[in-house]
Amino acid sequence: ERLRVKIESALWPQRTVTASFGIGTLTEDMKERAELIAAADRALYASKEAGRNRSTHVRDVAEAEPQPD
């Protein structure tokens, strides 16, 4: 979140710049690095869907999504 705020508050010569971040956390049940990347990707899309210019952790969106069997 600190990085997102720094980007947003910086003086950019051409236009205002913002950023959205998706954050994932490595858990013991993850078997492959692709699972961590997929978790962060889900969080990023949630940030963008919520209006962009935000940071979202996958734990904040995982409860709202159906989990695969």
N, C-alpha and C. Protein backbone atom coordinates (compact mmCIF):
# COMPACT_ATOMS: atom_id res chain seq x y z
N GLU A 1 0.84 -1.19 0.00
CA GLU A 1 0.00 0.00 0.00
C GLU A 1 0.88 1.26 0.00
N ARG A 2 2.01 1.19 0.73
CA ARG A 2 2.90 2.36 0.75
C ARG A 2 3.43 2.67 -0.65
N LEU A 3 3.79 1.65 -1.39
CA LEU A 3 4.29 1.85 -2.75
C LEU A 3 3.19 2.44 -3.64
N ARG A 4 1.97 1.95 -3.52
CA ARG A 4 0.86 2.49 -4.31
C ARG A 4 0.65 3.97 -4.02
N VAL A 5 0.69 4.34 -2.75
CA VAL A 5 0.50 5.74 -2.36
C VAL A 5 1.64 6.61 -2.89
N LYS A 6 2.87 6.11 -2.83
CA LYS A 6 4.03 6.88 -3.35
C LYS A 6 3.87 7.14 -4.84
N ILE A 7 3.44 6.13 -5.58
CA ILE A 7 3.24 6.29 -7.03
C ILE A 7 2.16 7.33 -7.29
N GLU A 8 1.05 7.22 -6.58
CA GLU A 8 -0.07 8.13 -6.77
C GLU A 8 0.28 9.58 -6.42
N SER A 9 1.09 9.77 -5.39
CA SER A 9 1.38 11.13 -4.92
C SER A 9 2.61 11.76 -5.59
N ALA A 10 3.33 11.00 -6.39
CA ALA A 10 4.50 11.55 -7.09
C ALA A 10 4.07 12.55 -8.15
N LEU A 11 4.93 13.48 -8.43
CA LEU A 11 4.66 14.47 -9.48
C LEU A 11 5.16 13.90 -10.81
N TRP A 12 4.23 13.54 -11.67
CA TRP A 12 4.55 12.97 -12.97
C TRP A 12 4.41 14.07 -14.01
N PRO A 13 5.37 14.21 -14.93
CA PRO A 13 5.35 15.33 -15.86
C PRO A 13 4.21 15.31 -16.88
N GLN A 14 3.76 14.16 -17.30
CA GLN A 14 2.75 14.07 -18.35
C GLN A 14 1.33 13.99 -17.82
N ARG A 15 1.12 13.19 -16.76
CA ARG A 15 -0.22 12.97 -16.23
C ARG A 15 -0.12 12.27 -14.88
N THR A 16 -1.23 12.17 -14.20
CA THR A 16 -1.29 11.45 -12.94
C THR A 16 -1.12 9.96 -13.21
N VAL A 17 -0.36 9.31 -12.38
CA VAL A 17 -0.13 7.87 -12.52
C VAL A 17 -0.63 7.18 -11.26
N THR A 18 -1.35 6.09 -11.45
CA THR A 18 -1.80 5.27 -10.33
C THR A 18 -1.41 3.82 -10.60
N ALA A 19 -1.56 2.98 -9.58
CA ALA A 19 -1.19 1.57 -9.72
C ALA A 19 -2.14 0.70 -8.91
N SER A 20 -2.38 -0.48 -9.44
CA SER A 20 -3.13 -1.49 -8.71
C SER A 20 -2.21 -2.66 -8.44
N PHE A 21 -2.34 -3.24 -7.25
CA PHE A 21 -1.49 -4.36 -6.87
C PHE A 21 -2.34 -5.53 -6.42
N GLY A 22 -1.89 -6.72 -6.77
CA GLY A 22 -2.48 -7.95 -6.27
C GLY A 22 -1.42 -8.67 -5.46
N ILE A 23 -1.75 -9.01 -4.23
CA ILE A 23 -0.78 -9.61 -3.33
C ILE A 23 -1.21 -11.02 -2.96
N GLY A 24 -0.29 -11.94 -3.07
CA GLY A 24 -0.51 -13.32 -2.65
C GLY A 24 0.51 -13.68 -1.59
N THR A 25 0.19 -14.67 -0.79
CA THR A 25 1.11 -15.15 0.24
C THR A 25 1.34 -16.64 0.05
N LEU A 26 2.59 -17.03 0.08
CA LEU A 26 2.93 -18.45 -0.04
C LEU A 26 2.42 -19.20 1.18
N THR A 27 1.68 -20.27 0.93
CA THR A 27 1.16 -21.08 2.03
C THR A 27 1.73 -22.49 1.94
N GLU A 28 1.64 -23.23 3.02
CA GLU A 28 2.19 -24.58 3.07
C GLU A 28 1.53 -25.53 2.09
N ASP A 29 0.27 -25.28 1.75
CA ASP A 29 -0.44 -26.19 0.85
C ASP A 29 -0.15 -25.93 -0.63
N MET A 30 0.58 -24.89 -0.95
CA MET A 30 0.92 -24.61 -2.35
C MET A 30 2.06 -25.53 -2.77
N LYS A 31 1.83 -26.25 -3.87
CA LYS A 31 2.82 -27.22 -4.35
C LYS A 31 3.73 -26.64 -5.44
N GLU A 32 3.22 -25.65 -6.17
CA GLU A 32 3.98 -25.07 -7.28
C GLU A 32 3.95 -23.55 -7.22
N ARG A 33 4.98 -22.93 -7.74
CA ARG A 33 5.04 -21.46 -7.73
C ARG A 33 3.90 -20.84 -8.53
N ALA A 34 3.40 -21.57 -9.51
CA ALA A 34 2.29 -21.07 -10.31
C ALA A 34 1.06 -20.79 -9.45
N GLU A 35 0.89 -21.52 -8.35
CA GLU A 35 -0.24 -21.29 -7.46
C GLU A 35 -0.14 -19.93 -6.77
N LEU A 36 1.06 -19.55 -6.37
CA LEU A 36 1.28 -18.24 -5.76
C LEU A 36 1.03 -17.13 -6.78
N ILE A 37 1.51 -17.32 -8.00
CA ILE A 37 1.30 -16.34 -9.06
C ILE A 37 -0.19 -16.21 -9.37
N ALA A 38 -0.89 -17.32 -9.42
CA ALA A 38 -2.34 -17.30 -9.69
C ALA A 38 -3.09 -16.57 -8.58
N ALA A 39 -2.67 -16.77 -7.34
CA ALA A 39 -3.31 -16.09 -6.21
C ALA A 39 -3.12 -14.57 -6.32
N ALA A 40 -1.91 -14.14 -6.62
CA ALA A 40 -1.65 -12.71 -6.78
C ALA A 40 -2.42 -12.15 -7.97
N ASP A 41 -2.54 -12.93 -9.03
CA ASP A 41 -3.28 -12.50 -10.21
C ASP A 41 -4.77 -12.32 -9.90
N ARG A 42 -5.35 -13.23 -9.11
CA ARG A 42 -6.75 -13.09 -8.70
C ARG A 42 -6.94 -11.80 -7.90
N ALA A 43 -5.99 -11.52 -7.02
CA ALA A 43 -6.07 -10.30 -6.20
C ALA A 43 -5.93 -9.06 -7.07
N LEU A 44 -5.06 -9.10 -8.08
CA LEU A 44 -4.90 -7.95 -8.98
C LEU A 44 -6.19 -7.66 -9.72
N TYR A 45 -6.82 -8.69 -10.26
CA TYR A 45 -8.08 -8.47 -10.97
C TYR A 45 -9.16 -7.95 -10.04
N ALA A 46 -9.15 -8.39 -8.79
CA ALA A 46 -10.11 -7.86 -7.81
C ALA A 46 -9.85 -6.37 -7.57
N SER A 47 -8.58 -5.97 -7.51
CA SER A 47 -8.24 -4.55 -7.36
C SER A 47 -8.79 -3.74 -8.52
N LYS A 48 -8.59 -4.24 -9.71
CA LYS A 48 -9.05 -3.51 -10.89
C LYS A 48 -10.57 -3.46 -10.96
N GLU A 49 -11.23 -4.56 -10.63
CA GLU A 49 -12.69 -4.59 -10.66
C GLU A 49 -13.30 -3.66 -9.60
N ALA A 50 -12.58 -3.45 -8.51
CA ALA A 50 -13.08 -2.61 -7.42
C ALA A 50 -12.85 -1.12 -7.69
N GLY A 51 -12.30 -0.79 -8.84
CA GLY A 51 -12.14 0.62 -9.18
C GLY A 51 -10.72 1.04 -9.45
N ARG A 52 -9.80 0.13 -9.45
CA ARG A 52 -8.39 0.41 -9.72
C ARG A 52 -7.75 1.27 -8.64
N ASN A 53 -6.45 1.48 -8.76
CA ASN A 53 -5.67 2.27 -7.81
C ASN A 53 -5.88 1.78 -6.38
N ARG A 54 -5.67 0.48 -6.19
CA ARG A 54 -5.79 -0.10 -4.85
C ARG A 54 -4.90 -1.33 -4.74
N SER A 55 -4.66 -1.72 -3.51
CA SER A 55 -3.91 -2.93 -3.20
C SER A 55 -4.88 -3.93 -2.59
N THR A 56 -4.85 -5.16 -3.09
CA THR A 56 -5.75 -6.19 -2.59
C THR A 56 -4.95 -7.46 -2.33
N HIS A 57 -5.16 -8.03 -1.16
CA HIS A 57 -4.55 -9.32 -0.83
C HIS A 57 -5.53 -10.42 -1.19
N VAL A 58 -5.02 -11.52 -1.66
CA VAL A 58 -5.88 -12.62 -2.11
C VAL A 58 -6.80 -13.12 -0.99
N ARG A 59 -6.40 -13.02 0.26
CA ARG A 59 -7.26 -13.49 1.35
C ARG A 59 -8.54 -12.67 1.43
N ASP A 60 -8.50 -11.43 0.91
CA ASP A 60 -9.67 -10.58 0.94
C ASP A 60 -10.66 -10.90 -0.18
N VAL A 61 -10.23 -11.64 -1.19
CA VAL A 61 -11.13 -12.01 -2.28
C VAL A 61 -11.42 -13.50 -2.31
N ALA A 62 -10.61 -14.30 -1.65
CA ALA A 62 -10.76 -15.75 -1.72
C ALA A 62 -12.10 -16.22 -1.15
N GLU A 63 -12.60 -15.54 -0.15
CA GLU A 63 -13.87 -15.96 0.44
C GLU A 63 -15.04 -15.72 -0.49
N ALA A 64 -14.93 -14.75 -1.37
CA ALA A 64 -16.04 -14.42 -2.27
C ALA A 64 -16.04 -15.29 -3.53
N GLU A 65 -14.93 -15.96 -3.82
CA GLU A 65 -14.83 -16.77 -5.02
C GLU A 65 -15.11 -18.23 -4.72
N PRO A 66 -15.76 -18.93 -5.64
CA PRO A 66 -15.92 -20.38 -5.45
C PRO A 66 -14.56 -21.06 -5.57
N GLN A 67 -14.26 -21.97 -4.69
CA GLN A 67 -12.98 -22.68 -4.71
C GLN A 67 -13.11 -23.98 -5.49
N PRO A 68 -12.08 -24.31 -6.31
CA PRO A 68 -12.14 -25.55 -7.07
C PRO A 68 -12.06 -26.76 -6.14
N ASP A 69 -12.68 -27.86 -6.57
CA ASP A 69 -12.66 -29.09 -5.76
C ASP A 69 -11.34 -29.82 -5.89
